[in-house]
Amino acid sequence: MRTLPANSFEAELWFKTLRKEFKYNKVIFVYSNDVEGIKTLNLFRNLILSTDTAYGEKSFEVSL
């Protein structure tokens, strides 16, 4: 059983908080290199790309 919210809820909350409350234009996303970490990163990235304020995929810098 899962006692924490799904990663999609966390990613959406982070996005809304950073973008709408703090008005951040750039963030550094630190994640674990496992299934959950990569899934959360992709959900967060998709939220950014789906907004009208997204600059496009070329604005993402990925460092492993």
C-alpha atoms as a PDB file:
ATOM      1  CA  MET A   1       0.000   0.000   0.000  1.00  0.00           C
ATOM      2  CA  ARG A   2       1.159   3.480  -0.768  1.00  0.00           C
ATOM      3  CA  THR A   3       0.979   6.003   2.051  1.00  0.00           C
ATOM      4  CA  LEU A   4       2.392   8.918   0.074  1.00  0.00           C
ATOM      5  CA  PRO A   5       0.691  10.738  -2.780  1.00  0.00           C
ATOM      6  CA  ALA A   6       1.519   9.679  -6.310  1.00  0.00           C
ATOM      7  CA  ASN A   7       4.496  11.349  -7.967  1.00  0.00           C
ATOM      8  CA  SER A   8       2.185  13.071 -10.423  1.00  0.00           C
ATOM      9  CA  PHE A   9       0.587  15.004  -7.551  1.00  0.00           C
ATOM     10  CA  GLU A  10       3.990  15.953  -6.157  1.00  0.00           C
ATOM     11  CA  ALA A  11       5.271  17.127  -9.546  1.00  0.00           C
ATOM     12  CA  GLU A  12       2.144  19.227 -10.085  1.00  0.00           C
ATOM     13  CA  LEU A  13       2.414  20.772  -6.617  1.00  0.00           C
ATOM     14  CA  TRP A  14       6.101  21.615  -7.138  1.00  0.00           C
ATOM     15  CA  PHE A  15       5.363  23.134 -10.528  1.00  0.00           C
ATOM     16  CA  LYS A  16       2.489  25.278  -9.273  1.00  0.00           C
ATOM     17  CA  THR A  17       4.425  26.419  -6.229  1.00  0.00           C
ATOM     18  CA  LEU A  18       7.602  27.305  -8.107  1.00  0.00           C
ATOM     19  CA  ARG A  19       5.934  28.892 -11.097  1.00  0.00           C
ATOM     20  CA  LYS A  20       2.868  30.588  -9.683  1.00  0.00           C
ATOM     21  CA  GLU A  21       3.748  31.339  -6.071  1.00  0.00           C
ATOM     22  CA  PHE A  22       7.463  32.109  -6.370  1.00  0.00           C
ATOM     23  CA  LYS A  23       7.436  33.166 -10.066  1.00  0.00           C
ATOM     24  CA  TYR A  24      10.591  31.144 -10.784  1.00  0.00           C
ATOM     25  CA  ASN A  25      11.688  30.906 -14.405  1.00  0.00           C
ATOM     26  CA  LYS A  26      14.523  28.437 -13.857  1.00  0.00           C
ATOM     27  CA  VAL A  27      14.935  25.526 -11.470  1.00  0.00           C
ATOM     28  CA  ILE A  28      17.464  22.794 -10.861  1.00  0.00           C
ATOM     29  CA  PHE A  29      15.800  19.425 -10.440  1.00  0.00           C
ATOM     30  CA  VAL A  30      17.824  16.948  -8.401  1.00  0.00           C
ATOM     31  CA  TYR A  31      16.500  13.411  -8.580  1.00  0.00           C
ATOM     32  CA  SER A  32      17.542   9.850  -7.891  1.00  0.00           C
ATOM     33  CA  ASN A  33      18.565   7.813 -10.925  1.00  0.00           C
ATOM     34  CA  ASP A  34      15.914   5.151 -10.440  1.00  0.00           C
ATOM     35  CA  VAL A  35      12.453   4.483 -11.830  1.00  0.00           C
ATOM     36  CA  GLU A  36      10.635   6.792  -9.402  1.00  0.00           C
ATOM     37  CA  GLY A  37      13.114   9.644  -9.773  1.00  0.00           C
ATOM     38  CA  ILE A  38      13.098   9.555 -13.556  1.00  0.00           C
ATOM     39  CA  LYS A  39       9.313   9.256 -13.658  1.00  0.00           C
ATOM     40  CA  THR A  40       8.916  12.313 -11.420  1.00  0.00           C
ATOM     41  CA  LEU A  41      11.409  14.297 -13.508  1.00  0.00           C
ATOM     42  CA  ASN A  42       9.490  13.434 -16.688  1.00  0.00           C
ATOM     43  CA  LEU A  43       6.157  14.396 -15.104  1.00  0.00           C
ATOM     44  CA  PHE A  44       7.616  17.739 -13.983  1.00  0.00           C
ATOM     45  CA  ARG A  45       9.127  18.340 -17.434  1.00  0.00           C
ATOM     46  CA  ASN A  46       5.809  17.527 -19.144  1.00  0.00           C
ATOM     47  CA  LEU A  47       3.989  20.006 -16.912  1.00  0.00           C
ATOM     48  CA  ILE A  48       6.424  22.715 -17.949  1.00  0.00           C
ATOM     49  CA  LEU A  49       6.133  21.869 -21.635  1.00  0.00           C
ATOM     50  CA  SER A  50       2.338  21.787 -21.509  1.00  0.00           C
ATOM     51  CA  THR A  51       2.034  25.383 -20.293  1.00  0.00           C
ATOM     52  CA  ASP A  52       1.869  28.380 -22.548  1.00  0.00           C
ATOM     53  CA  THR A  53       4.947  29.799 -20.811  1.00  0.00           C
ATOM     54  CA  ALA A  54       7.213  26.892 -21.757  1.00  0.00           C
ATOM     55  CA  TYR A  55      10.180  27.807 -23.904  1.00  0.00           C
ATOM     56  CA  GLY A  56      10.350  24.412 -25.520  1.00  0.00           C
ATOM     57  CA  GLU A  57      12.403  21.304 -24.982  1.00  0.00           C
ATOM     58  CA  LYS A  58      15.614  22.968 -26.114  1.00  0.00           C
ATOM     59  CA  SER A  59      15.635  25.007 -22.901  1.00  0.00           C
ATOM     60  CA  PHE A  60      16.192  21.874 -20.811  1.00  0.00           C
ATOM     61  CA  GLU A  61      19.715  21.052 -19.769  1.00  0.00           C
ATOM     62  CA  VAL A  62      20.192  17.498 -18.560  1.00  0.00           C
ATOM     63  CA  SER A  63      23.253  16.531 -16.621  1.00  0.00           C
ATOM     64  CA  LEU A  64      23.804  12.959 -15.483  1.00  0.00           C
END
